[in-house]
Amino acid sequence: MSRFLALKNTFLKSSPISNSRGMTLIEILIVLALVGGLIAIIGSQVFSRFDTAKVRETKIIMSNVSQSIQLYYTDCGSYPPSLEALIEQGQSDCKSWGPNPYLKDFPKDSWNTDLIYENTGSSFVLRSLGKDKKEGGSGVDKDLSSEEL
């Protein structure tokens, strides 16, 4: 039994656990501050790319809706009076409105806002108000127009 106690005492004296004193509160706070700073830097980059992707997605949506409007023009000889005319047959005077709708649902941008459609008779414009859903803006808040696609 005394031999076992001698081995036990030898093991405890050479163990790195018994020699370590732990981390102080200041060391822990410094590590947390560094980790928080890294998360803030990386997070801002991720969110800015997410907003850029939403702008690209809205441009793709607007391009697809523009193609549907052009197809309607080819079939009917005029631009639709509203975007609803691309979804339901009874919304326009078009005699050759296809068997299927030009769009399945009312088009929305990536921020879940209805696209704005303006028919001038000889042309059309689709617009999205951007992330802020207000006229004007810059960056991701900038208004998008089918004329810029």
C-alpha atoms as a PDB file:
ATOM      1  CA  MET A   1       0.000   0.000   0.000  1.00  0.00           C
ATOM      2  CA  SER A   2       2.850   2.392   0.760  1.00  0.00           C
ATOM      3  CA  ARG A   3       4.264   1.715  -2.701  1.00  0.00           C
ATOM      4  CA  PHE A   4       0.900   2.747  -4.267  1.00  0.00           C
ATOM      5  CA  LEU A   5       0.873   5.998  -2.269  1.00  0.00           C
ATOM      6  CA  ALA A   6       4.425   6.748  -3.355  1.00  0.00           C
ATOM      7  CA  LEU A   7       3.474   6.285  -7.017  1.00  0.00           C
ATOM      8  CA  LYS A   8       0.380   8.387  -6.551  1.00  0.00           C
ATOM      9  CA  ASN A   9       2.361  11.275  -5.012  1.00  0.00           C
ATOM     10  CA  THR A  10       4.969  11.069  -7.787  1.00  0.00           C
ATOM     11  CA  PHE A  11       2.248  11.234 -10.474  1.00  0.00           C
ATOM     12  CA  LEU A  12       0.530  14.223  -8.859  1.00  0.00           C
ATOM     13  CA  LYS A  13       3.770  16.191  -8.539  1.00  0.00           C
ATOM     14  CA  SER A  14       4.683  15.764 -12.212  1.00  0.00           C
ATOM     15  CA  SER A  15       1.152  16.350 -13.542  1.00  0.00           C
ATOM     16  CA  PRO A  16       0.735  19.557 -15.568  1.00  0.00           C
ATOM     17  CA  ILE A  17      -2.729  19.972 -14.092  1.00  0.00           C
ATOM     18  CA  SER A  18      -1.398  20.374 -10.585  1.00  0.00           C
ATOM     19  CA  ASN A  19       1.183  22.949 -11.741  1.00  0.00           C
ATOM     20  CA  SER A  20      -1.189  25.158 -13.766  1.00  0.00           C
ATOM     21  CA  ARG A  21      -2.754  28.143 -12.067  1.00  0.00           C
ATOM     22  CA  GLY A  22      -5.663  28.716 -14.540  1.00  0.00           C
ATOM     23  CA  MET A  23      -6.630  31.826 -16.450  1.00  0.00           C
ATOM     24  CA  THR A  24      -7.280  35.133 -14.771  1.00  0.00           C
ATOM     25  CA  LEU A  25     -10.422  37.134 -15.393  1.00  0.00           C
ATOM     26  CA  ILE A  26      -8.493  39.711 -17.444  1.00  0.00           C
ATOM     27  CA  GLU A  27      -7.094  36.996 -19.735  1.00  0.00           C
ATOM     28  CA  ILE A  28     -10.585  35.592 -20.286  1.00  0.00           C
ATOM     29  CA  LEU A  29     -11.957  39.078 -21.082  1.00  0.00           C
ATOM     30  CA  ILE A  30      -9.141  39.723 -23.574  1.00  0.00           C
ATOM     31  CA  VAL A  31      -9.860  36.435 -25.355  1.00  0.00           C
ATOM     32  CA  LEU A  32     -13.596  37.221 -25.452  1.00  0.00           C
ATOM     33  CA  ALA A  33     -12.896  40.702 -26.861  1.00  0.00           C
ATOM     34  CA  LEU A  34     -10.691  39.250 -29.609  1.00  0.00           C
ATOM     35  CA  VAL A  35     -13.249  36.599 -30.523  1.00  0.00           C
ATOM     36  CA  GLY A  36     -16.036  39.215 -30.529  1.00  0.00           C
ATOM     37  CA  GLY A  37     -13.998  41.478 -32.813  1.00  0.00           C
ATOM     38  CA  LEU A  38     -13.382  38.648 -35.266  1.00  0.00           C
ATOM     39  CA  ILE A  39     -17.068  37.739 -35.290  1.00  0.00           C
ATOM     40  CA  ALA A  40     -18.019  41.384 -35.941  1.00  0.00           C
ATOM     41  CA  ILE A  41     -15.611  41.687 -38.883  1.00  0.00           C
ATOM     42  CA  ILE A  42     -16.623  38.370 -40.441  1.00  0.00           C
ATOM     43  CA  GLY A  43     -20.342  38.982 -39.794  1.00  0.00           C
ATOM     44  CA  SER A  44     -20.332  42.353 -41.557  1.00  0.00           C
ATOM     45  CA  GLN A  45     -18.710  40.782 -44.622  1.00  0.00           C
ATOM     46  CA  VAL A  46     -21.270  37.975 -44.696  1.00  0.00           C
ATOM     47  CA  PHE A  47     -24.249  40.347 -44.400  1.00  0.00           C
ATOM     48  CA  SER A  48     -22.946  42.691 -47.102  1.00  0.00           C
ATOM     49  CA  ARG A  49     -22.653  39.721 -49.485  1.00  0.00           C
ATOM     50  CA  PHE A  50     -26.172  38.653 -48.543  1.00  0.00           C
ATOM     51  CA  ASP A  51     -27.510  42.109 -49.515  1.00  0.00           C
ATOM     52  CA  THR A  52     -25.557  42.034 -52.780  1.00  0.00           C
ATOM     53  CA  ALA A  53     -27.091  38.634 -53.568  1.00  0.00           C
ATOM     54  CA  LYS A  54     -30.587  40.045 -52.989  1.00  0.00           C
ATOM     55  CA  VAL A  55     -29.895  42.854 -55.488  1.00  0.00           C
ATOM     56  CA  ARG A  56     -28.745  40.275 -58.063  1.00  0.00           C
ATOM     57  CA  GLU A  57     -31.785  38.108 -57.384  1.00  0.00           C
ATOM     58  CA  THR A  58     -34.109  41.093 -57.907  1.00  0.00           C
ATOM     59  CA  LYS A  59     -32.423  41.861 -61.240  1.00  0.00           C
ATOM     60  CA  ILE A  60     -32.996  38.248 -62.335  1.00  0.00           C
ATOM     61  CA  ILE A  61     -36.655  38.427 -61.276  1.00  0.00           C
ATOM     62  CA  MET A  62     -37.097  41.691 -63.196  1.00  0.00           C
ATOM     63  CA  SER A  63     -35.446  40.176 -66.271  1.00  0.00           C
ATOM     64  CA  ASN A  64     -37.804  37.163 -66.154  1.00  0.00           C
ATOM     65  CA  VAL A  65     -40.869  39.397 -65.765  1.00  0.00           C
ATOM     66  CA  SER A  66     -39.627  41.583 -68.649  1.00  0.00           C
ATOM     67  CA  GLN A  67     -39.424  38.474 -70.838  1.00  0.00           C
ATOM     68  CA  SER A  68     -43.015  37.589 -69.904  1.00  0.00           C
ATOM     69  CA  ILE A  69     -44.113  41.123 -70.813  1.00  0.00           C
ATOM     70  CA  GLN A  70     -42.325  40.847 -74.172  1.00  0.00           C
ATOM     71  CA  LEU A  71     -43.996  37.490 -74.825  1.00  0.00           C
ATOM     72  CA  TYR A  72     -47.381  39.058 -74.037  1.00  0.00           C
ATOM     73  CA  TYR A  73     -46.532  41.877 -76.467  1.00  0.00           C
ATOM     74  CA  THR A  74     -45.653  39.322 -79.163  1.00  0.00           C
ATOM     75  CA  ASP A  75     -48.928  37.433 -78.635  1.00  0.00           C
ATOM     76  CA  CYS A  76     -51.246  40.406 -78.153  1.00  0.00           C
ATOM     77  CA  GLY A  77     -49.663  43.304 -80.074  1.00  0.00           C
ATOM     78  CA  SER A  78     -49.543  45.628 -77.060  1.00  0.00           C
ATOM     79  CA  TYR A  79     -48.030  45.740 -73.595  1.00  0.00           C
ATOM     80  CA  PRO A  80     -50.252  44.506 -70.779  1.00  0.00           C
ATOM     81  CA  PRO A  81     -52.275  47.185 -68.985  1.00  0.00           C
ATOM     82  CA  SER A  82     -51.062  45.809 -65.640  1.00  0.00           C
ATOM     83  CA  LEU A  83     -49.045  42.905 -64.290  1.00  0.00           C
ATOM     84  CA  GLU A  84     -52.325  41.207 -63.337  1.00  0.00           C
ATOM     85  CA  ALA A  85     -52.981  40.786 -67.082  1.00  0.00           C
ATOM     86  CA  LEU A  86     -50.018  38.401 -67.169  1.00  0.00           C
ATOM     87  CA  ILE A  87     -51.629  36.204 -64.511  1.00  0.00           C
ATOM     88  CA  GLU A  88     -55.370  36.192 -65.337  1.00  0.00           C
ATOM     89  CA  GLN A  89     -56.839  36.114 -68.815  1.00  0.00           C
ATOM     90  CA  GLY A  90     -59.788  38.408 -68.130  1.00  0.00           C
ATOM     91  CA  GLN A  91     -57.584  41.376 -67.191  1.00  0.00           C
ATOM     92  CA  SER A  92     -56.969  42.532 -70.797  1.00  0.00           C
ATOM     93  CA  ASP A  93     -58.540  42.640 -74.263  1.00  0.00           C
ATOM     94  CA  CYS A  94     -55.977  40.239 -75.739  1.00  0.00           C
ATOM     95  CA  LYS A  95     -57.663  37.711 -77.998  1.00  0.00           C
ATOM     96  CA  SER A  96     -54.682  35.365 -78.316  1.00  0.00           C
ATOM     97  CA  TRP A  97     -53.862  35.146 -74.596  1.00  0.00           C
ATOM     98  CA  GLY A  98     -52.204  31.706 -74.344  1.00  0.00           C
ATOM     99  CA  PRO A  99     -53.689  28.665 -72.671  1.00  0.00           C
ATOM    100  CA  ASN A 100     -51.292  29.184 -69.736  1.00  0.00           C
ATOM    101  CA  PRO A 101     -50.642  32.406 -67.802  1.00  0.00           C
ATOM    102  CA  TYR A 102     -47.510  34.388 -68.566  1.00  0.00           C
ATOM    103  CA  LEU A 103     -46.769  34.527 -64.820  1.00  0.00           C
ATOM    104  CA  LYS A 104     -47.976  32.247 -62.037  1.00  0.00           C
ATOM    105  CA  ASP A 105     -47.906  34.810 -59.213  1.00  0.00           C
ATOM    106  CA  PHE A 106     -47.687  38.560 -58.856  1.00  0.00           C
ATOM    107  CA  PRO A 107     -43.959  39.360 -59.074  1.00  0.00           C
ATOM    108  CA  LYS A 108     -42.174  40.584 -55.967  1.00  0.00           C
ATOM    109  CA  ASP A 109     -38.591  41.653 -55.458  1.00  0.00           C
ATOM    110  CA  SER A 110     -36.181  39.942 -53.049  1.00  0.00           C
ATOM    111  CA  TRP A 111     -37.445  42.097 -50.193  1.00  0.00           C
ATOM    112  CA  ASN A 112     -41.002  40.808 -50.732  1.00  0.00           C
ATOM    113  CA  THR A 113     -42.262  44.080 -52.222  1.00  0.00           C
ATOM    114  CA  ASP A 114     -44.425  44.200 -55.356  1.00  0.00           C
ATOM    115  CA  LEU A 115     -42.625  45.261 -58.515  1.00  0.00           C
ATOM    116  CA  ILE A 116     -43.834  48.554 -59.973  1.00  0.00           C
ATOM    117  CA  TYR A 117     -44.988  48.368 -63.604  1.00  0.00           C
ATOM    118  CA  GLU A 118     -45.353  51.435 -65.823  1.00  0.00           C
ATOM    119  CA  ASN A 119     -46.806  51.056 -69.324  1.00  0.00           C
ATOM    120  CA  THR A 120     -46.233  54.042 -71.614  1.00  0.00           C
ATOM    121  CA  GLY A 121     -47.942  52.396 -74.588  1.00  0.00           C
ATOM    122  CA  SER A 122     -44.799  52.130 -76.694  1.00  0.00           C
ATOM    123  CA  SER A 123     -42.590  50.710 -73.925  1.00  0.00           C
ATOM    124  CA  PHE A 124     -42.652  49.657 -70.296  1.00  0.00           C
ATOM    125  CA  VAL A 125     -40.559  50.004 -67.157  1.00  0.00           C
ATOM    126  CA  LEU A 126     -40.328  47.648 -64.192  1.00  0.00           C
ATOM    127  CA  ARG A 127     -38.990  49.056 -60.949  1.00  0.00           C
ATOM    128  CA  SER A 128     -38.036  47.846 -57.492  1.00  0.00           C
ATOM    129  CA  LEU A 129     -37.590  50.326 -54.651  1.00  0.00           C
ATOM    130  CA  GLY A 130     -34.681  48.366 -53.170  1.00  0.00           C
ATOM    131  CA  LYS A 131     -34.079  47.279 -49.615  1.00  0.00           C
ATOM    132  CA  ASP A 132     -35.401  50.484 -47.992  1.00  0.00           C
ATOM    133  CA  LYS A 133     -38.669  50.307 -50.007  1.00  0.00           C
ATOM    134  CA  LYS A 134     -38.472  54.080 -50.618  1.00  0.00           C
ATOM    135  CA  GLU A 135     -37.772  56.196 -53.698  1.00  0.00           C
ATOM    136  CA  GLY A 136     -34.072  56.897 -54.293  1.00  0.00           C
ATOM    137  CA  GLY A 137     -31.250  55.593 -52.180  1.00  0.00           C
ATOM    138  CA  SER A 138     -27.784  54.208 -52.793  1.00  0.00           C
ATOM    139  CA  GLY A 139     -26.122  50.821 -52.475  1.00  0.00           C
ATOM    140  CA  VAL A 140     -28.681  48.116 -51.666  1.00  0.00           C
ATOM    141  CA  ASP A 141     -31.287  50.840 -51.065  1.00  0.00           C
ATOM    142  CA  LYS A 142     -30.938  52.081 -54.663  1.00  0.00           C
ATOM    143  CA  ASP A 143     -34.003  51.734 -56.872  1.00  0.00           C
ATOM    144  CA  LEU A 144     -33.639  49.129 -59.617  1.00  0.00           C
ATOM    145  CA  SER A 145     -35.123  49.606 -63.081  1.00  0.00           C
ATOM    146  CA  SER A 146     -35.606  47.280 -66.043  1.00  0.00           C
ATOM    147  CA  GLU A 147     -34.028  50.014 -68.192  1.00  0.00           C
ATOM    148  CA  GLU A 148     -30.696  49.352 -66.410  1.00  0.00           C
ATOM    149  CA  LEU A 149     -30.658  45.579 -66.889  1.00  0.00           C
END
